[in-house]
Amino acid sequence: LSLDDAAAAQACRDACDEFAQAYADLLVAAQRAQRVSGFGDFKIADELADLFHKQATGEPDSIDQVILDTIAVVKDMREIMQLSIDRLTEQDSLNAGQVSSAAVDLGSLS
């Protein structure tokens, strides 16, 4: 996947940065939610607290793992956008060099 418009690729890259930051903030909130308490002094309360803790962290489908997986995907998307920008910038430089060279050649023919 690549984009042929540097401005569009830059906008996508910037959106990826914002999205990754939003999910990093969400991860902090999810980590705060790992500390579950206030269910009382009953055995079932401890089991319920443990269940909520597992949903928050430490399991493959826990919220913190889902957030980390999403951040990884967004970082991959950002890298693809950056590669597109780099490719377009390099192509622009090559084209400019070819145009300059052609202009010099045409000038020497006069």
PDB file of N, CA and C in Angstrom:
ATOM      1  N   LEU A   1       0.845  -1.180   0.000  1.00  0.00           N
ATOM      2  CA  LEU A   1       0.000   0.000   0.000  1.00  0.00           C
ATOM      3  C   LEU A   1       0.883   1.233   0.000  1.00  0.00           C
ATOM      4  N   SER A   2       0.547   2.164  -0.853  1.00  0.00           N
ATOM      5  CA  SER A   2       1.232   3.450  -0.857  1.00  0.00           C
ATOM      6  C   SER A   2       0.270   4.490  -1.399  1.00  0.00           C
ATOM      7  N   LEU A   3       0.566   5.717  -1.151  1.00  0.00           N
ATOM      8  CA  LEU A   3      -0.235   6.821  -1.659  1.00  0.00           C
ATOM      9  C   LEU A   3       0.589   7.594  -2.664  1.00  0.00           C
ATOM     10  N   ASP A   4      -0.081   8.131  -3.679  1.00  0.00           N
ATOM     11  CA  ASP A   4       0.609   8.906  -4.702  1.00  0.00           C
ATOM     12  C   ASP A   4       0.521  10.403  -4.448  1.00  0.00           C
ATOM     13  N   ASP A   5      -0.034  10.797  -3.327  1.00  0.00           N
ATOM     14  CA  ASP A   5      -0.180  12.206  -2.977  1.00  0.00           C
ATOM     15  C   ASP A   5       0.482  12.426  -1.621  1.00  0.00           C
ATOM     16  N   ALA A   6       1.570  13.170  -1.616  1.00  0.00           N
ATOM     17  CA  ALA A   6       2.327  13.375  -0.375  1.00  0.00           C
ATOM     18  C   ALA A   6       1.484  14.056   0.694  1.00  0.00           C
ATOM     19  N   ALA A   7       0.647  15.014   0.304  1.00  0.00           N
ATOM     20  CA  ALA A   7      -0.186  15.715   1.291  1.00  0.00           C
ATOM     21  C   ALA A   7      -1.174  14.749   1.945  1.00  0.00           C
ATOM     22  N   ALA A   8      -1.758  13.861   1.148  1.00  0.00           N
ATOM     23  CA  ALA A   8      -2.691  12.872   1.704  1.00  0.00           C
ATOM     24  C   ALA A   8      -1.952  11.914   2.632  1.00  0.00           C
ATOM     25  N   ALA A   9      -0.760  11.494   2.234  1.00  0.00           N
ATOM     26  CA  ALA A   9       0.030  10.586   3.075  1.00  0.00           C
ATOM     27  C   ALA A   9       0.423  11.271   4.380  1.00  0.00           C
ATOM     28  N   GLN A  10       0.767  12.553   4.310  1.00  0.00           N
ATOM     29  CA  GLN A  10       1.124  13.295   5.526  1.00  0.00           C
ATOM     30  C   GLN A  10      -0.082  13.437   6.453  1.00  0.00           C
ATOM     31  N   ALA A  11      -1.257  13.689   5.874  1.00  0.00           N
ATOM     32  CA  ALA A  11      -2.474  13.797   6.687  1.00  0.00           C
ATOM     33  C   ALA A  11      -2.788  12.461   7.359  1.00  0.00           C
ATOM     34  N   CYS A  12      -2.616  11.370   6.626  1.00  0.00           N
ATOM     35  CA  CYS A  12      -2.839  10.036   7.203  1.00  0.00           C
ATOM     36  C   CYS A  12      -1.813   9.740   8.294  1.00  0.00           C
ATOM     37  N   ARG A  13      -0.566  10.101   8.048  1.00  0.00           N
ATOM     38  CA  ARG A  13       0.483   9.890   9.052  1.00  0.00           C
ATOM     39  C   ARG A  13       0.178  10.678  10.323  1.00  0.00           C
ATOM     40  N   ASP A  14      -0.237  11.925  10.153  1.00  0.00           N
ATOM     41  CA  ASP A  14      -0.573  12.758  11.312  1.00  0.00           C
ATOM     42  C   ASP A  14      -1.777  12.194  12.065  1.00  0.00           C
ATOM     43  N   ALA A  15      -2.757  11.683  11.324  1.00  0.00           N
ATOM     44  CA  ALA A  15      -3.925  11.061  11.963  1.00  0.00           C
ATOM     45  C   ALA A  15      -3.502   9.822  12.747  1.00  0.00           C
ATOM     46  N   CYS A  16      -2.562   9.065  12.211  1.00  0.00           N
ATOM     47  CA  CYS A  16      -2.040   7.893  12.927  1.00  0.00           C
ATOM     48  C   CYS A  16      -1.370   8.318  14.230  1.00  0.00           C
ATOM     49  N   ASP A  17      -0.608   9.419  14.187  1.00  0.00           N
ATOM     50  CA  ASP A  17       0.034   9.926  15.410  1.00  0.00           C
ATOM     51  C   ASP A  17      -1.013  10.287  16.464  1.00  0.00           C
ATOM     52  N   GLU A  18      -2.069  10.981  16.034  1.00  0.00           N
ATOM     53  CA  GLU A  18      -3.127  11.379  16.969  1.00  0.00           C
ATOM     54  C   GLU A  18      -3.851  10.159  17.530  1.00  0.00           C
ATOM     55  N   PHE A  19      -4.140   9.193  16.664  1.00  0.00           N
ATOM     56  CA  PHE A  19      -4.847   7.984  17.075  1.00  0.00           C
ATOM     57  C   PHE A  19      -4.003   7.181  18.062  1.00  0.00           C
ATOM     58  N   ALA A  20      -2.717   7.046  17.765  1.00  0.00           N
ATOM     59  CA  ALA A  20      -1.822   6.299  18.660  1.00  0.00           C
ATOM     60  C   ALA A  20      -1.734   6.982  20.021  1.00  0.00           C
ATOM     61  N   GLN A  21      -1.683   8.312  20.032  1.00  0.00           N
ATOM     62  CA  GLN A  21      -1.630   9.040  21.302  1.00  0.00           C
ATOM     63  C   GLN A  21      -2.929   8.860  22.087  1.00  0.00           C
ATOM     64  N   ALA A  22      -4.053   8.896  21.395  1.00  0.00           N
ATOM     65  CA  ALA A  22      -5.342   8.701  22.071  1.00  0.00           C
ATOM     66  C   ALA A  22      -5.412   7.312  22.697  1.00  0.00           C
ATOM     67  N   TYR A  23      -4.908   6.310  21.977  1.00  0.00           N
ATOM     68  CA  TYR A  23      -4.922   4.954  22.528  1.00  0.00           C
ATOM     69  C   TYR A  23      -3.896   4.790  23.646  1.00  0.00           C
ATOM     70  N   ALA A  24      -2.789   5.506  23.576  1.00  0.00           N
ATOM     71  CA  ALA A  24      -1.822   5.470  24.681  1.00  0.00           C
ATOM     72  C   ALA A  24      -2.459   6.059  25.943  1.00  0.00           C
ATOM     73  N   ASP A  25      -3.223   7.134  25.773  1.00  0.00           N
ATOM     74  CA  ASP A  25      -3.942   7.719  26.910  1.00  0.00           C
ATOM     75  C   ASP A  25      -4.991   6.745  27.446  1.00  0.00           C
ATOM     76  N   LEU A  26      -5.660   6.053  26.537  1.00  0.00           N
ATOM     77  CA  LEU A  26      -6.657   5.057  26.932  1.00  0.00           C
ATOM     78  C   LEU A  26      -6.000   3.912  27.700  1.00  0.00           C
ATOM     79  N   LEU A  27      -4.796   3.542  27.295  1.00  0.00           N
ATOM     80  CA  LEU A  27      -4.066   2.483  27.990  1.00  0.00           C
ATOM     81  C   LEU A  27      -3.773   2.886  29.435  1.00  0.00           C
ATOM     82  N   VAL A  28      -3.411   4.140  29.639  1.00  0.00           N
ATOM     83  CA  VAL A  28      -3.167   4.630  31.004  1.00  0.00           C
ATOM     84  C   VAL A  28      -4.441   4.506  31.834  1.00  0.00           C
ATOM     85  N   ALA A  29      -5.568   4.888  31.251  1.00  0.00           N
ATOM     86  CA  ALA A  29      -6.843   4.777  31.966  1.00  0.00           C
ATOM     87  C   ALA A  29      -7.175   3.316  32.256  1.00  0.00           C
ATOM     88  N   ALA A  30      -6.900   2.433  31.308  1.00  0.00           N
ATOM     89  CA  ALA A  30      -7.162   1.005  31.512  1.00  0.00           C
ATOM     90  C   ALA A  30      -6.261   0.442  32.607  1.00  0.00           C
ATOM     91  N   GLN A  31      -5.030   0.915  32.668  1.00  0.00           N
ATOM     92  CA  GLN A  31      -4.121   0.442  33.717  1.00  0.00           C
ATOM     93  C   GLN A  31      -4.587   0.900  35.095  1.00  0.00           C
ATOM     94  N   ARG A  32      -5.184   2.089  35.153  1.00  0.00           N
ATOM     95  CA  ARG A  32      -5.745   2.549  36.430  1.00  0.00           C
ATOM     96  C   ARG A  32      -6.939   1.689  36.838  1.00  0.00           C
ATOM     97  N   ALA A  33      -7.677   1.187  35.862  1.00  0.00           N
ATOM     98  CA  ALA A  33      -8.868   0.378  36.139  1.00  0.00           C
ATOM     99  C   ALA A  33      -8.513  -1.032  36.610  1.00  0.00           C
ATOM    100  N   GLN A  34      -7.248  -1.402  36.562  1.00  0.00           N
ATOM    101  CA  GLN A  34      -6.836  -2.736  37.002  1.00  0.00           C
ATOM    102  C   GLN A  34      -6.983  -2.903  38.503  1.00  0.00           C
ATOM    103  N   ARG A  35      -6.953  -1.825  39.223  1.00  0.00           N
ATOM    104  CA  ARG A  35      -7.068  -1.891  40.680  1.00  0.00           C
ATOM    105  C   ARG A  35      -8.547  -1.869  41.060  1.00  0.00           C
ATOM    106  N   VAL A  36      -9.110  -3.050  41.204  1.00  0.00           N
ATOM    107  CA  VAL A  36     -10.535  -3.193  41.475  1.00  0.00           C
ATOM    108  C   VAL A  36     -10.732  -3.482  42.957  1.00  0.00           C
ATOM    109  N   SER A  37     -11.660  -2.753  43.569  1.00  0.00           N
ATOM    110  CA  SER A  37     -11.941  -2.982  44.990  1.00  0.00           C
ATOM    111  C   SER A  37     -13.340  -2.462  45.305  1.00  0.00           C
ATOM    112  N   GLY A  38     -13.721  -2.633  46.556  1.00  0.00           N
ATOM    113  CA  GLY A  38     -14.994  -2.093  46.997  1.00  0.00           C
ATOM    114  C   GLY A  38     -16.166  -3.036  46.856  1.00  0.00           C
ATOM    115  N   PHE A  39     -15.900  -4.331  46.697  1.00  0.00           N
ATOM    116  CA  PHE A  39     -16.987  -5.295  46.544  1.00  0.00           C
ATOM    117  C   PHE A  39     -17.388  -5.942  47.871  1.00  0.00           C
ATOM    118  N   GLY A  40     -16.748  -5.570  48.935  1.00  0.00           N
ATOM    119  CA  GLY A  40     -17.094  -6.119  50.241  1.00  0.00           C
ATOM    120  C   GLY A  40     -16.115  -7.181  50.697  1.00  0.00           C
ATOM    121  N   ASP A  41     -16.431  -7.788  51.847  1.00  0.00           N
ATOM    122  CA  ASP A  41     -15.536  -8.761  52.477  1.00  0.00           C
ATOM    123  C   ASP A  41     -15.939 -10.208  52.216  1.00  0.00           C
ATOM    124  N   PHE A  42     -16.756 -10.442  51.238  1.00  0.00           N
ATOM    125  CA  PHE A  42     -17.204 -11.802  50.948  1.00  0.00           C
ATOM    126  C   PHE A  42     -16.262 -12.481  49.968  1.00  0.00           C
ATOM    127  N   LYS A  43     -16.249 -13.812  50.002  1.00  0.00           N
ATOM    128  CA  LYS A  43     -15.395 -14.573  49.085  1.00  0.00           C
ATOM    129  C   LYS A  43     -15.784 -14.280  47.636  1.00  0.00           C
ATOM    130  N   ILE A  44     -17.070 -14.206  47.368  1.00  0.00           N
ATOM    131  CA  ILE A  44     -17.534 -13.930  46.013  1.00  0.00           C
ATOM    132  C   ILE A  44     -17.047 -12.553  45.543  1.00  0.00           C
ATOM    133  N   ALA A  45     -16.886 -11.621  46.477  1.00  0.00           N
ATOM    134  CA  ALA A  45     -16.379 -10.291  46.126  1.00  0.00           C
ATOM    135  C   ALA A  45     -14.946 -10.384  45.626  1.00  0.00           C
ATOM    136  N   ASP A  46     -14.144 -11.219  46.272  1.00  0.00           N
ATOM    137  CA  ASP A  46     -12.756 -11.412  45.823  1.00  0.00           C
ATOM    138  C   ASP A  46     -12.724 -12.063  44.446  1.00  0.00           C
ATOM    139  N   GLU A  47     -13.615 -13.019  44.220  1.00  0.00           N
ATOM    140  CA  GLU A  47     -13.680 -13.691  42.917  1.00  0.00           C
ATOM    141  C   GLU A  47     -14.108 -12.709  41.826  1.00  0.00           C
ATOM    142  N   LEU A  48     -15.068 -11.857  42.158  1.00  0.00           N
ATOM    143  CA  LEU A  48     -15.522 -10.852  41.204  1.00  0.00           C
ATOM    144  C   LEU A  48     -14.404  -9.854  40.891  1.00  0.00           C
ATOM    145  N   ALA A  49     -13.685  -9.413  41.903  1.00  0.00           N
ATOM    146  CA  ALA A  49     -12.560  -8.496  41.697  1.00  0.00           C
ATOM    147  C   ALA A  49     -11.495  -9.150  40.819  1.00  0.00           C
ATOM    148  N   ASP A  50     -11.224 -10.436  41.042  1.00  0.00           N
ATOM    149  CA  ASP A  50     -10.244 -11.164  40.237  1.00  0.00           C
ATOM    150  C   ASP A  50     -10.710 -11.267  38.787  1.00  0.00           C
ATOM    151  N   LEU A  51     -11.993 -11.523  38.585  1.00  0.00           N
ATOM    152  CA  LEU A  51     -12.547 -11.618  37.234  1.00  0.00           C
ATOM    153  C   LEU A  51     -12.378 -10.289  36.490  1.00  0.00           C
ATOM    154  N   PHE A  52     -12.731  -9.194  37.145  1.00  0.00           N
ATOM    155  CA  PHE A  52     -12.583  -7.883  36.511  1.00  0.00           C
ATOM    156  C   PHE A  52     -11.115  -7.560  36.237  1.00  0.00           C
ATOM    157  N   HIS A  53     -10.241  -7.953  37.143  1.00  0.00           N
ATOM    158  CA  HIS A  53      -8.811  -7.717  36.939  1.00  0.00           C
ATOM    159  C   HIS A  53      -8.315  -8.465  35.702  1.00  0.00           C
ATOM    160  N   LYS A  54      -8.750  -9.708  35.524  1.00  0.00           N
ATOM    161  CA  LYS A  54      -8.327 -10.491  34.354  1.00  0.00           C
ATOM    162  C   LYS A  54      -8.857  -9.890  33.057  1.00  0.00           C
ATOM    163  N   GLN A  55     -10.049  -9.303  33.116  1.00  0.00           N
ATOM    164  CA  GLN A  55     -10.579  -8.655  31.916  1.00  0.00           C
ATOM    165  C   GLN A  55      -9.780  -7.400  31.582  1.00  0.00           C
ATOM    166  N   ALA A  56      -9.206  -6.803  32.586  1.00  0.00           N
ATOM    167  CA  ALA A  56      -8.447  -5.569  32.375  1.00  0.00           C
ATOM    168  C   ALA A  56      -7.018  -5.834  31.917  1.00  0.00           C
ATOM    169  N   THR A  57      -6.404  -6.917  32.379  1.00  0.00           N
ATOM    170  CA  THR A  57      -4.984  -7.117  32.089  1.00  0.00           C
ATOM    171  C   THR A  57      -4.582  -8.578  32.213  1.00  0.00           C
ATOM    172  N   GLY A  58      -3.501  -8.903  31.534  1.00  0.00           N
ATOM    173  CA  GLY A  58      -2.872 -10.200  31.725  1.00  0.00           C
ATOM    174  C   GLY A  58      -3.420 -11.347  30.902  1.00  0.00           C
ATOM    175  N   GLU A  59      -4.477 -11.130  30.157  1.00  0.00           N
ATOM    176  CA  GLU A  59      -5.066 -12.178  29.330  1.00  0.00           C
ATOM    177  C   GLU A  59      -4.945 -11.757  27.859  1.00  0.00           C
ATOM    178  N   PRO A  60      -4.944 -12.727  26.936  1.00  0.00           N
ATOM    179  CA  PRO A  60      -4.820 -12.370  25.515  1.00  0.00           C
ATOM    180  C   PRO A  60      -5.924 -11.426  25.018  1.00  0.00           C
ATOM    181  N   ASP A  61      -7.127 -11.552  25.545  1.00  0.00           N
ATOM    182  CA  ASP A  61      -8.231 -10.694  25.110  1.00  0.00           C
ATOM    183  C   ASP A  61      -8.555  -9.596  26.120  1.00  0.00           C
ATOM    184  N   SER A  62      -7.657  -9.356  27.062  1.00  0.00           N
ATOM    185  CA  SER A  62      -7.892  -8.308  28.055  1.00  0.00           C
ATOM    186  C   SER A  62      -7.821  -6.942  27.383  1.00  0.00           C
ATOM    187  N   ILE A  63      -8.435  -5.967  28.019  1.00  0.00           N
ATOM    188  CA  ILE A  63      -8.513  -4.638  27.415  1.00  0.00           C
ATOM    189  C   ILE A  63      -7.137  -4.033  27.171  1.00  0.00           C
ATOM    190  N   ASP A  64      -6.194  -4.246  28.073  1.00  0.00           N
ATOM    191  CA  ASP A  64      -4.874  -3.654  27.841  1.00  0.00           C
ATOM    192  C   ASP A  64      -4.185  -4.289  26.641  1.00  0.00           C
ATOM    193  N   GLN A  65      -4.378  -5.587  26.437  1.00  0.00           N
ATOM    194  CA  GLN A  65      -3.762  -6.246  25.281  1.00  0.00           C
ATOM    195  C   GLN A  65      -4.422  -5.804  23.977  1.00  0.00           C
ATOM    196  N   VAL A  66      -5.734  -5.633  23.991  1.00  0.00           N
ATOM    197  CA  VAL A  66      -6.439  -5.149  22.803  1.00  0.00           C
ATOM    198  C   VAL A  66      -5.947  -3.744  22.439  1.00  0.00           C
ATOM    199  N   ILE A  67      -5.770  -2.904  23.438  1.00  0.00           N
ATOM    200  CA  ILE A  67      -5.271  -1.546  23.192  1.00  0.00           C
ATOM    201  C   ILE A  67      -3.844  -1.593  22.642  1.00  0.00           C
ATOM    202  N   LEU A  68      -2.987  -2.419  23.227  1.00  0.00           N
ATOM    203  CA  LEU A  68      -1.606  -2.543  22.737  1.00  0.00           C
ATOM    204  C   LEU A  68      -1.571  -3.062  21.304  1.00  0.00           C
ATOM    205  N   ASP A  69      -2.426  -4.026  20.984  1.00  0.00           N
ATOM    206  CA  ASP A  69      -2.496  -4.553  19.617  1.00  0.00           C
ATOM    207  C   ASP A  69      -2.940  -3.464  18.640  1.00  0.00           C
ATOM    208  N   THR A  70      -3.906  -2.658  19.056  1.00  0.00           N
ATOM    209  CA  THR A  70      -4.389  -1.572  18.203  1.00  0.00           C
ATOM    210  C   THR A  70      -3.291  -0.542  17.973  1.00  0.00           C
ATOM    211  N   ILE A  71      -2.558  -0.197  19.010  1.00  0.00           N
ATOM    212  CA  ILE A  71      -1.447   0.748  18.874  1.00  0.00           C
ATOM    213  C   ILE A  71      -0.406   0.200  17.896  1.00  0.00           C
ATOM    214  N   ALA A  72      -0.122  -1.089  17.958  1.00  0.00           N
ATOM    215  CA  ALA A  72       0.855  -1.694  17.043  1.00  0.00           C
ATOM    216  C   ALA A  72       0.386  -1.583  15.593  1.00  0.00           C
ATOM    217  N   VAL A  73      -0.900  -1.804  15.353  1.00  0.00           N
ATOM    218  CA  VAL A  73      -1.439  -1.688  13.992  1.00  0.00           C
ATOM    219  C   VAL A  73      -1.334  -0.246  13.502  1.00  0.00           C
ATOM    220  N   VAL A  74      -1.666   0.702  14.358  1.00  0.00           N
ATOM    221  CA  VAL A  74      -1.593   2.119  13.981  1.00  0.00           C
ATOM    222  C   VAL A  74      -0.146   2.517  13.686  1.00  0.00           C
ATOM    223  N   LYS A  75       0.798   2.018  14.458  1.00  0.00           N
ATOM    224  CA  LYS A  75       2.212   2.317  14.191  1.00  0.00           C
ATOM    225  C   LYS A  75       2.643   1.742  12.845  1.00  0.00           C
ATOM    226  N   ASP A  76       2.149   0.545  12.505  1.00  0.00           N
ATOM    227  CA  ASP A  76       2.446  -0.033  11.191  1.00  0.00           C
ATOM    228  C   ASP A  76       1.859   0.834  10.077  1.00  0.00           C
ATOM    229  N   MET A  77       0.625   1.300  10.280  1.00  0.00           N
ATOM    230  CA  MET A  77      -0.008   2.171   9.287  1.00  0.00           C
ATOM    231  C   MET A  77       0.794   3.458   9.114  1.00  0.00           C
ATOM    232  N   ARG A  78       1.263   4.020  10.228  1.00  0.00           N
ATOM    233  CA  ARG A  78       2.053   5.245  10.171  1.00  0.00           C
ATOM    234  C   ARG A  78       3.344   5.019   9.391  1.00  0.00           C
ATOM    235  N   GLU A  79       3.965   3.874   9.625  1.00  0.00           N
ATOM    236  CA  GLU A  79       5.210   3.558   8.921  1.00  0.00           C
ATOM    237  C   GLU A  79       4.973   3.471   7.415  1.00  0.00           C
ATOM    238  N   ILE A  80       3.856   2.882   7.021  1.00  0.00           N
ATOM    239  CA  ILE A  80       3.523   2.791   5.597  1.00  0.00           C
ATOM    240  C   ILE A  80       3.337   4.188   5.012  1.00  0.00           C
ATOM    241  N   MET A  81       2.658   5.058   5.748  1.00  0.00           N
ATOM    242  CA  MET A  81       2.464   6.433   5.273  1.00  0.00           C
ATOM    243  C   MET A  81       3.809   7.145   5.138  1.00  0.00           C
ATOM    244  N   GLN A  82       4.692   6.951   6.110  1.00  0.00           N
ATOM    245  CA  GLN A  82       6.009   7.587   6.051  1.00  0.00           C
ATOM    246  C   GLN A  82       6.809   7.063   4.862  1.00  0.00           C
ATOM    247  N   LEU A  83       6.715   5.768   4.589  1.00  0.00           N
ATOM    248  CA  LEU A  83       7.405   5.206   3.421  1.00  0.00           C
ATOM    249  C   LEU A  83       6.874   5.819   2.131  1.00  0.00           C
ATOM    250  N   SER A  84       5.560   6.032   2.065  1.00  0.00           N
ATOM    251  CA  SER A  84       4.973   6.680   0.890  1.00  0.00           C
ATOM    252  C   SER A  84       5.505   8.100   0.736  1.00  0.00           C
ATOM    253  N   ILE A  85       5.564   8.833   1.838  1.00  0.00           N
ATOM    254  CA  ILE A  85       6.089  10.207   1.801  1.00  0.00           C
ATOM    255  C   ILE A  85       7.544  10.195   1.343  1.00  0.00           C
ATOM    256  N   ASP A  86       8.337   9.298   1.908  1.00  0.00           N
ATOM    257  CA  ASP A  86       9.753   9.204   1.531  1.00  0.00           C
ATOM    258  C   ASP A  86       9.903   8.860   0.054  1.00  0.00           C
ATOM    259  N   ARG A  87       9.082   7.931  -0.425  1.00  0.00           N
ATOM    260  CA  ARG A  87       9.146   7.523  -1.834  1.00  0.00           C
ATOM    261  C   ARG A  87       8.782   8.690  -2.738  1.00  0.00           C
ATOM    262  N   LEU A  88       7.724   9.414  -2.383  1.00  0.00           N
ATOM    263  CA  LEU A  88       7.303  10.551  -3.195  1.00  0.00           C
ATOM    264  C   LEU A  88       8.341  11.670  -3.178  1.00  0.00           C
ATOM    265  N   THR A  89       8.931  11.922  -2.023  1.00  0.00           N
ATOM    266  CA  THR A  89       9.954  12.960  -1.910  1.00  0.00           C
ATOM    267  C   THR A  89      11.174  12.597  -2.752  1.00  0.00           C
ATOM    268  N   GLU A  90      11.567  11.332  -2.683  1.00  0.00           N
ATOM    269  CA  GLU A  90      12.708  10.870  -3.484  1.00  0.00           C
ATOM    270  C   GLU A  90      12.395  10.985  -4.970  1.00  0.00           C
ATOM    271  N   GLN A  91      11.172  10.602  -5.358  1.00  0.00           N
ATOM    272  CA  GLN A  91      10.784  10.682  -6.765  1.00  0.00           C
ATOM    273  C   GLN A  91      10.766  12.132  -7.231  1.00  0.00           C
ATOM    274  N   ASP A  92      10.277  13.033  -6.391  1.00  0.00           N
ATOM    275  CA  ASP A  92      10.280  14.458  -6.745  1.00  0.00           C
ATOM    276  C   ASP A  92      11.705  14.959  -6.959  1.00  0.00           C
ATOM    277  N   SER A  93      12.630  14.536  -6.115  1.00  0.00           N
ATOM    278  CA  SER A  93      14.032  14.948  -6.257  1.00  0.00           C
ATOM    279  C   SER A  93      14.629  14.411  -7.549  1.00  0.00           C
ATOM    280  N   LEU A  94      14.334  13.152  -7.857  1.00  0.00           N
ATOM    281  CA  LEU A  94      14.836  12.567  -9.105  1.00  0.00           C
ATOM    282  C   LEU A  94      14.274  13.307 -10.314  1.00  0.00           C
ATOM    283  N   ASN A  95      12.975  13.582 -10.279  1.00  0.00           N
ATOM    284  CA  ASN A  95      12.348  14.295 -11.392  1.00  0.00           C
ATOM    285  C   ASN A  95      12.938  15.690 -11.550  1.00  0.00           C
ATOM    286  N   ALA A  96      13.161  16.386 -10.438  1.00  0.00           N
ATOM    287  CA  ALA A  96      13.739  17.729 -10.497  1.00  0.00           C
ATOM    288  C   ALA A  96      15.139  17.678 -11.093  1.00  0.00           C
ATOM    289  N   GLY A  97      15.915  16.675 -10.707  1.00  0.00           N
ATOM    290  CA  GLY A  97      17.259  16.519 -11.260  1.00  0.00           C
ATOM    291  C   GLY A  97      17.230  16.260 -12.753  1.00  0.00           C
ATOM    292  N   GLN A  98      16.287  15.437 -13.196  1.00  0.00           N
ATOM    293  CA  GLN A  98      16.172  15.145 -14.625  1.00  0.00           C
ATOM    294  C   GLN A  98      15.741  16.380 -15.412  1.00  0.00           C
ATOM    295  N   VAL A  99      14.818  17.144 -14.847  1.00  0.00           N
ATOM    296  CA  VAL A  99      14.368  18.365 -15.519  1.00  0.00           C
ATOM    297  C   VAL A  99      15.519  19.368 -15.603  1.00  0.00           C
ATOM    298  N   SER A 100      16.262  19.518 -14.520  1.00  0.00           N
ATOM    299  CA  SER A 100      17.403  20.443 -14.523  1.00  0.00           C
ATOM    300  C   SER A 100      18.442  20.017 -15.543  1.00  0.00           C
ATOM    301  N   SER A 101      18.706  18.727 -15.592  1.00  0.00           N
ATOM    302  CA  SER A 101      19.686  18.208 -16.544  1.00  0.00           C
ATOM    303  C   SER A 101      19.222  18.442 -17.976  1.00  0.00           C
ATOM    304  N   ALA A 102      17.944  18.212 -18.219  1.00  0.00           N
ATOM    305  CA  ALA A 102      17.406  18.433 -19.561  1.00  0.00           C
ATOM    306  C   ALA A 102      17.472  19.914 -19.926  1.00  0.00           C
ATOM    307  N   ALA A 103      17.200  20.791 -18.965  1.00  0.00           N
ATOM    308  CA  ALA A 103      17.258  22.232 -19.227  1.00  0.00           C
ATOM    309  C   ALA A 103      18.681  22.662 -19.562  1.00  0.00           C
ATOM    310  N   VAL A 104      19.651  22.102 -18.847  1.00  0.00           N
ATOM    311  CA  VAL A 104      21.055  22.415 -19.127  1.00  0.00           C
ATOM    312  C   VAL A 104      21.418  21.927 -20.522  1.00  0.00           C
ATOM    313  N   ASP A 105      20.992  20.700 -20.844  1.00  0.00           N
ATOM    314  CA  ASP A 105      21.280  20.154 -22.173  1.00  0.00           C
ATOM    315  C   ASP A 105      20.652  21.010 -23.270  1.00  0.00           C
ATOM    316  N   LEU A 106      19.421  21.435 -23.054  1.00  0.00           N
ATOM    317  CA  LEU A 106      18.751  22.274 -24.050  1.00  0.00           C
ATOM    318  C   LEU A 106      19.443  23.628 -24.172  1.00  0.00           C
ATOM    319  N   GLY A 107      19.909  24.154 -23.056  1.00  0.00           N
ATOM    320  CA  GLY A 107      20.612  25.440 -23.071  1.00  0.00           C
ATOM    321  C   GLY A 107      21.927  25.354 -23.825  1.00  0.00           C
ATOM    322  N   SER A 108      22.588  24.201 -23.768  1.00  0.00           N
ATOM    323  CA  SER A 108      23.874  24.065 -24.452  1.00  0.00           C
ATOM    324  C   SER A 108      23.689  23.851 -25.949  1.00  0.00           C
ATOM    325  N   LEU A 109      22.476  23.500 -26.376  1.00  0.00           N
ATOM    326  CA  LEU A 109      22.214  23.313 -27.800  1.00  0.00           C
ATOM    327  C   LEU A 109      21.972  24.641 -28.505  1.00  0.00           C
ATOM    328  N   SER A 110      21.669  25.673 -27.756  1.00  0.00           N
ATOM    329  CA  SER A 110      21.337  26.964 -28.369  1.00  0.00           C
ATOM    330  C   SER A 110      22.537  27.648 -28.938  1.00  0.00           C
TER     331      SER A 110
END
